[in-house]
């Protein structure tokens, strides 16, 4: 493997055939506060790949399943060489806002809880699982989102834990990164 999780993940993806038409898909999944966005941003800096953040597709604090369902409108058109799209959730207005287009590209990164959903395994080129100790994840999440996230932490953690157990996300990952 290479010298960093970013380089390792890119090496894995580039060693495999394209899965989104001529493009490749890297998904970075793991529980809240684990460091998924940091890894995705490092990958984007290295490759100039666009990044879709699952935080933009969840339908609020109870919207994990709805967010995962939106992967279909992002990914299936890309397989055909057409732009994908998703409805961006406005967390302040608590409703969906504009539609965001995701143009075809040689590499697309999707990061966030549920990005590695098993139902889309055939479209994904590489999957990273990012994790950290629960206390550290909670501290990061609260530091990042402040009092907005604090009252929802336990319910969100239960929803993601149930999703990960059902999908066996960590066990299907090509690379595991502990932060």
C-alpha atoms as a PDB file:
ATOM      1  CA  UNK A   1       0.000   0.000   0.000  1.00  0.00           C
ATOM      2  CA  UNK A   2       0.971   3.641  -0.370  1.00  0.00           C
ATOM      3  CA  UNK A   3       1.947   6.120   2.337  1.00  0.00           C
ATOM      4  CA  UNK A   4      -1.473   7.423   3.359  1.00  0.00           C
ATOM      5  CA  UNK A   5      -5.108   6.340   3.494  1.00  0.00           C
ATOM      6  CA  UNK A   6      -5.832   8.886   0.753  1.00  0.00           C
ATOM      7  CA  UNK A   7      -3.198   7.449  -1.584  1.00  0.00           C
ATOM      8  CA  UNK A   8      -4.177   3.878  -0.664  1.00  0.00           C
ATOM      9  CA  UNK A   9      -7.826   4.529  -1.457  1.00  0.00           C
ATOM     10  CA  UNK A  10      -6.999   6.195  -4.755  1.00  0.00           C
ATOM     11  CA  UNK A  11      -4.674   3.338  -5.701  1.00  0.00           C
ATOM     12  CA  UNK A  12      -7.436   0.788  -5.004  1.00  0.00           C
ATOM     13  CA  UNK A  13      -9.975   2.721  -7.069  1.00  0.00           C
ATOM     14  CA  UNK A  14      -7.664   3.307 -10.011  1.00  0.00           C
ATOM     15  CA  UNK A  15      -6.655  -0.368 -10.116  1.00  0.00           C
ATOM     16  CA  UNK A  16     -10.267  -1.370 -10.813  1.00  0.00           C
ATOM     17  CA  UNK A  17     -12.511  -0.938 -13.842  1.00  0.00           C
ATOM     18  CA  UNK A  18     -14.797   2.073 -14.076  1.00  0.00           C
ATOM     19  CA  UNK A  19     -18.252   1.553 -12.574  1.00  0.00           C
ATOM     20  CA  UNK A  20     -20.110   4.760 -13.488  1.00  0.00           C
ATOM     21  CA  UNK A  21     -19.894   4.668 -17.250  1.00  0.00           C
ATOM     22  CA  UNK A  22     -16.301   5.797 -17.818  1.00  0.00           C
ATOM     23  CA  UNK A  23     -16.009   7.067 -14.227  1.00  0.00           C
ATOM     24  CA  UNK A  24     -15.105   5.555 -10.890  1.00  0.00           C
ATOM     25  CA  UNK A  25     -16.937   5.966  -7.582  1.00  0.00           C
ATOM     26  CA  UNK A  26     -15.247   6.127  -4.194  1.00  0.00           C
ATOM     27  CA  UNK A  27     -17.529   6.071  -1.144  1.00  0.00           C
ATOM     28  CA  UNK A  28     -16.307   7.061   2.305  1.00  0.00           C
ATOM     29  CA  UNK A  29     -18.614   5.773   5.030  1.00  0.00           C
ATOM     30  CA  UNK A  30     -18.537   5.451   8.802  1.00  0.00           C
ATOM     31  CA  UNK A  31     -20.241   6.877  11.867  1.00  0.00           C
ATOM     32  CA  UNK A  32     -20.760  10.581  12.543  1.00  0.00           C
ATOM     33  CA  UNK A  33     -17.665  12.488  13.604  1.00  0.00           C
ATOM     34  CA  UNK A  34     -15.221   9.825  12.419  1.00  0.00           C
ATOM     35  CA  UNK A  35     -13.340  11.920   9.845  1.00  0.00           C
ATOM     36  CA  UNK A  36     -15.069  11.022   6.572  1.00  0.00           C
ATOM     37  CA  UNK A  37     -15.179  14.599   5.300  1.00  0.00           C
ATOM     38  CA  UNK A  38     -11.493  15.108   6.056  1.00  0.00           C
ATOM     39  CA  UNK A  39     -10.564  12.046   4.003  1.00  0.00           C
ATOM     40  CA  UNK A  40     -12.933  13.066   1.180  1.00  0.00           C
ATOM     41  CA  UNK A  41     -11.480  16.579   1.071  1.00  0.00           C
ATOM     42  CA  UNK A  42      -7.925  15.203   0.977  1.00  0.00           C
ATOM     43  CA  UNK A  43      -8.915  12.933  -1.899  1.00  0.00           C
ATOM     44  CA  UNK A  44     -10.555  15.841  -3.753  1.00  0.00           C
ATOM     45  CA  UNK A  45      -7.449  17.991  -3.200  1.00  0.00           C
ATOM     46  CA  UNK A  46      -5.284  15.213  -4.627  1.00  0.00           C
ATOM     47  CA  UNK A  47      -7.482  14.454  -7.662  1.00  0.00           C
ATOM     48  CA  UNK A  48      -9.801  17.452  -8.205  1.00  0.00           C
ATOM     49  CA  UNK A  49     -12.698  14.964  -7.992  1.00  0.00           C
ATOM     50  CA  UNK A  50     -16.112  16.377  -7.087  1.00  0.00           C
ATOM     51  CA  UNK A  51     -17.436  15.395  -3.659  1.00  0.00           C
ATOM     52  CA  UNK A  52     -21.075  14.785  -2.770  1.00  0.00           C
ATOM     53  CA  UNK A  53     -21.706  15.122   0.964  1.00  0.00           C
ATOM     54  CA  UNK A  54     -24.499  12.918   2.287  1.00  0.00           C
ATOM     55  CA  UNK A  55     -25.298  15.700   4.788  1.00  0.00           C
ATOM     56  CA  UNK A  56     -26.879  17.490   1.831  1.00  0.00           C
ATOM     57  CA  UNK A  57     -29.228  14.615   0.943  1.00  0.00           C
ATOM     58  CA  UNK A  58     -30.565  13.428   4.315  1.00  0.00           C
ATOM     59  CA  UNK A  59     -34.142  14.542   4.959  1.00  0.00           C
ATOM     60  CA  UNK A  60     -33.277  15.994   8.359  1.00  0.00           C
ATOM     61  CA  UNK A  61     -32.327  14.178  11.532  1.00  0.00           C
ATOM     62  CA  UNK A  62     -34.633  11.254  10.724  1.00  0.00           C
ATOM     63  CA  UNK A  63     -33.680  11.172   7.051  1.00  0.00           C
ATOM     64  CA  UNK A  64     -30.910   8.597   6.770  1.00  0.00           C
ATOM     65  CA  UNK A  65     -33.009   6.189   4.677  1.00  0.00           C
ATOM     66  CA  UNK A  66     -34.263   9.019   2.435  1.00  0.00           C
ATOM     67  CA  UNK A  67     -30.698  10.178   1.890  1.00  0.00           C
ATOM     68  CA  UNK A  68     -29.561   6.706   0.892  1.00  0.00           C
ATOM     69  CA  UNK A  69     -32.508   6.469  -1.512  1.00  0.00           C
ATOM     70  CA  UNK A  70     -31.287   9.627  -3.275  1.00  0.00           C
ATOM     71  CA  UNK A  71     -28.112   7.775  -4.274  1.00  0.00           C
ATOM     72  CA  UNK A  72     -30.200   6.275  -7.064  1.00  0.00           C
ATOM     73  CA  UNK A  73     -30.834   9.671  -8.700  1.00  0.00           C
ATOM     74  CA  UNK A  74     -27.157  10.521  -8.399  1.00  0.00           C
ATOM     75  CA  UNK A  75     -25.642   7.255  -9.609  1.00  0.00           C
ATOM     76  CA  UNK A  76     -27.944   5.637 -12.165  1.00  0.00           C
ATOM     77  CA  UNK A  77     -27.811   8.512 -14.672  1.00  0.00           C
ATOM     78  CA  UNK A  78     -24.006   8.619 -14.369  1.00  0.00           C
ATOM     79  CA  UNK A  79     -23.843   4.979 -15.481  1.00  0.00           C
ATOM     80  CA  UNK A  80     -25.482   6.115 -18.727  1.00  0.00           C
ATOM     81  CA  UNK A  81     -23.142   9.128 -19.074  1.00  0.00           C
ATOM     82  CA  UNK A  82     -25.819  11.646 -18.072  1.00  0.00           C
ATOM     83  CA  UNK A  83     -25.654  14.009 -15.073  1.00  0.00           C
ATOM     84  CA  UNK A  84     -27.010  12.684 -11.812  1.00  0.00           C
ATOM     85  CA  UNK A  85     -28.835  14.900  -9.359  1.00  0.00           C
ATOM     86  CA  UNK A  86     -30.090  15.204  -5.824  1.00  0.00           C
ATOM     87  CA  UNK A  87     -32.315  17.508  -3.846  1.00  0.00           C
ATOM     88  CA  UNK A  88     -30.226  19.481  -1.334  1.00  0.00           C
ATOM     89  CA  UNK A  89     -31.666  19.561   2.165  1.00  0.00           C
ATOM     90  CA  UNK A  90     -31.695  22.977   3.835  1.00  0.00           C
ATOM     91  CA  UNK A  91     -31.083  22.249   7.502  1.00  0.00           C
ATOM     92  CA  UNK A  92     -32.106  25.756   8.614  1.00  0.00           C
ATOM     93  CA  UNK A  93     -35.405  25.793   6.679  1.00  0.00           C
ATOM     94  CA  UNK A  94     -35.932  22.078   7.468  1.00  0.00           C
ATOM     95  CA  UNK A  95     -36.975  21.308   3.912  1.00  0.00           C
ATOM     96  CA  UNK A  96     -35.517  20.362   0.574  1.00  0.00           C
ATOM     97  CA  UNK A  97     -34.210  23.228  -1.519  1.00  0.00           C
ATOM     98  CA  UNK A  98     -32.743  23.244  -5.024  1.00  0.00           C
ATOM     99  CA  UNK A  99     -31.746  20.319  -7.189  1.00  0.00           C
ATOM    100  CA  UNK A 100     -27.987  19.892  -7.520  1.00  0.00           C
ATOM    101  CA  UNK A 101     -26.549  18.396 -10.709  1.00  0.00           C
ATOM    102  CA  UNK A 102     -23.658  15.937 -10.522  1.00  0.00           C
ATOM    103  CA  UNK A 103     -21.958  15.854 -13.930  1.00  0.00           C
ATOM    104  CA  UNK A 104     -20.121  12.779 -15.181  1.00  0.00           C
ATOM    105  CA  UNK A 105     -16.464  12.804 -14.158  1.00  0.00           C
ATOM    106  CA  UNK A 106     -13.529  10.399 -14.175  1.00  0.00           C
ATOM    107  CA  UNK A 107     -13.798  10.123 -10.376  1.00  0.00           C
ATOM    108  CA  UNK A 108     -16.656  10.919  -8.000  1.00  0.00           C
ATOM    109  CA  UNK A 109     -16.376  10.848  -4.218  1.00  0.00           C
ATOM    110  CA  UNK A 110     -19.451  10.451  -2.018  1.00  0.00           C
ATOM    111  CA  UNK A 111     -18.891  10.775   1.696  1.00  0.00           C
ATOM    112  CA  UNK A 112     -21.181  10.369   4.638  1.00  0.00           C
ATOM    113  CA  UNK A 113     -23.183   7.882   6.627  1.00  0.00           C
ATOM    114  CA  UNK A 114     -24.880   5.531   4.192  1.00  0.00           C
ATOM    115  CA  UNK A 115     -22.736   6.386   1.166  1.00  0.00           C
ATOM    116  CA  UNK A 116     -21.510   2.790   1.139  1.00  0.00           C
ATOM    117  CA  UNK A 117     -25.026   1.316   1.150  1.00  0.00           C
ATOM    118  CA  UNK A 118     -24.951  -2.314   0.024  1.00  0.00           C
ATOM    119  CA  UNK A 119     -27.683  -1.748  -2.542  1.00  0.00           C
ATOM    120  CA  UNK A 120     -25.189   0.188  -4.679  1.00  0.00           C
ATOM    121  CA  UNK A 121     -22.221  -2.192  -4.428  1.00  0.00           C
ATOM    122  CA  UNK A 122     -22.253  -2.823  -8.176  1.00  0.00           C
ATOM    123  CA  UNK A 123     -21.791   0.892  -8.905  1.00  0.00           C
ATOM    124  CA  UNK A 124     -19.020   1.541  -6.396  1.00  0.00           C
ATOM    125  CA  UNK A 125     -15.366   1.202  -7.320  1.00  0.00           C
ATOM    126  CA  UNK A 126     -13.924   1.472  -3.792  1.00  0.00           C
ATOM    127  CA  UNK A 127     -15.297   1.786  -0.261  1.00  0.00           C
ATOM    128  CA  UNK A 128     -13.523   3.244   2.755  1.00  0.00           C
ATOM    129  CA  UNK A 129     -14.726   2.796   6.324  1.00  0.00           C
ATOM    130  CA  UNK A 130     -13.609   5.610   8.635  1.00  0.00           C
ATOM    131  CA  UNK A 131     -13.997   5.305  12.394  1.00  0.00           C
ATOM    132  CA  UNK A 132     -12.777   6.719  15.701  1.00  0.00           C
ATOM    133  CA  UNK A 133     -13.541   6.104  19.376  1.00  0.00           C
ATOM    134  CA  UNK A 134     -17.129   7.066  20.238  1.00  0.00           C
ATOM    135  CA  UNK A 135     -16.148   9.809  22.695  1.00  0.00           C
ATOM    136  CA  UNK A 136     -13.865  11.412  20.109  1.00  0.00           C
ATOM    137  CA  UNK A 137     -16.536  11.181  17.405  1.00  0.00           C
ATOM    138  CA  UNK A 138     -19.105  12.780  19.680  1.00  0.00           C
ATOM    139  CA  UNK A 139     -16.710  15.606  20.601  1.00  0.00           C
ATOM    140  CA  UNK A 140     -15.954  16.269  16.923  1.00  0.00           C
ATOM    141  CA  UNK A 141     -19.620  16.195  15.954  1.00  0.00           C
ATOM    142  CA  UNK A 142     -20.636  18.610  18.700  1.00  0.00           C
ATOM    143  CA  UNK A 143     -17.615  20.865  18.016  1.00  0.00           C
ATOM    144  CA  UNK A 144     -18.540  20.936  14.324  1.00  0.00           C
ATOM    145  CA  UNK A 145     -22.304  21.382  14.594  1.00  0.00           C
ATOM    146  CA  UNK A 146     -22.664  22.761  18.107  1.00  0.00           C
ATOM    147  CA  UNK A 147     -25.941  22.654  19.922  1.00  0.00           C
ATOM    148  CA  UNK A 148     -27.747  21.865  16.675  1.00  0.00           C
ATOM    149  CA  UNK A 149     -26.477  18.271  16.694  1.00  0.00           C
ATOM    150  CA  UNK A 150     -26.256  17.630  20.446  1.00  0.00           C
ATOM    151  CA  UNK A 151     -29.954  16.852  21.060  1.00  0.00           C
ATOM    152  CA  UNK A 152     -30.021  14.504  18.061  1.00  0.00           C
ATOM    153  CA  UNK A 153     -26.761  12.625  18.650  1.00  0.00           C
ATOM    154  CA  UNK A 154     -28.228   9.556  20.380  1.00  0.00           C
ATOM    155  CA  UNK A 155     -31.058   9.044  17.883  1.00  0.00           C
ATOM    156  CA  UNK A 156     -28.735   9.565  14.900  1.00  0.00           C
ATOM    157  CA  UNK A 157     -26.169   7.175  16.405  1.00  0.00           C
ATOM    158  CA  UNK A 158     -28.868   4.516  16.859  1.00  0.00           C
ATOM    159  CA  UNK A 159     -30.046   4.921  13.243  1.00  0.00           C
ATOM    160  CA  UNK A 160     -26.537   4.694  11.808  1.00  0.00           C
ATOM    161  CA  UNK A 161     -25.653   1.718  14.024  1.00  0.00           C
ATOM    162  CA  UNK A 162     -28.746  -0.133  12.801  1.00  0.00           C
ATOM    163  CA  UNK A 163     -27.945   0.718   9.179  1.00  0.00           C
ATOM    164  CA  UNK A 164     -24.291  -0.383   9.494  1.00  0.00           C
ATOM    165  CA  UNK A 165     -25.260  -3.671  11.163  1.00  0.00           C
ATOM    166  CA  UNK A 166     -27.808  -4.470   8.465  1.00  0.00           C
ATOM    167  CA  UNK A 167     -25.482  -3.524   5.569  1.00  0.00           C
ATOM    168  CA  UNK A 168     -22.288  -4.848   7.179  1.00  0.00           C
ATOM    169  CA  UNK A 169     -20.581  -1.710   5.845  1.00  0.00           C
ATOM    170  CA  UNK A 170     -17.287  -2.043   7.692  1.00  0.00           C
ATOM    171  CA  UNK A 171     -16.900  -5.696   6.645  1.00  0.00           C
ATOM    172  CA  UNK A 172     -17.415  -4.764   2.972  1.00  0.00           C
ATOM    173  CA  UNK A 173     -14.889  -1.909   3.032  1.00  0.00           C
ATOM    174  CA  UNK A 174     -11.743  -2.051   0.913  1.00  0.00           C
ATOM    175  CA  UNK A 175      -9.848   0.014   3.466  1.00  0.00           C
ATOM    176  CA  UNK A 176     -10.441   0.804   7.140  1.00  0.00           C
ATOM    177  CA  UNK A 177      -9.126   4.099   8.503  1.00  0.00           C
ATOM    178  CA  UNK A 178      -8.997   4.793  12.238  1.00  0.00           C
ATOM    179  CA  UNK A 179      -8.652   8.478  13.083  1.00  0.00           C
END
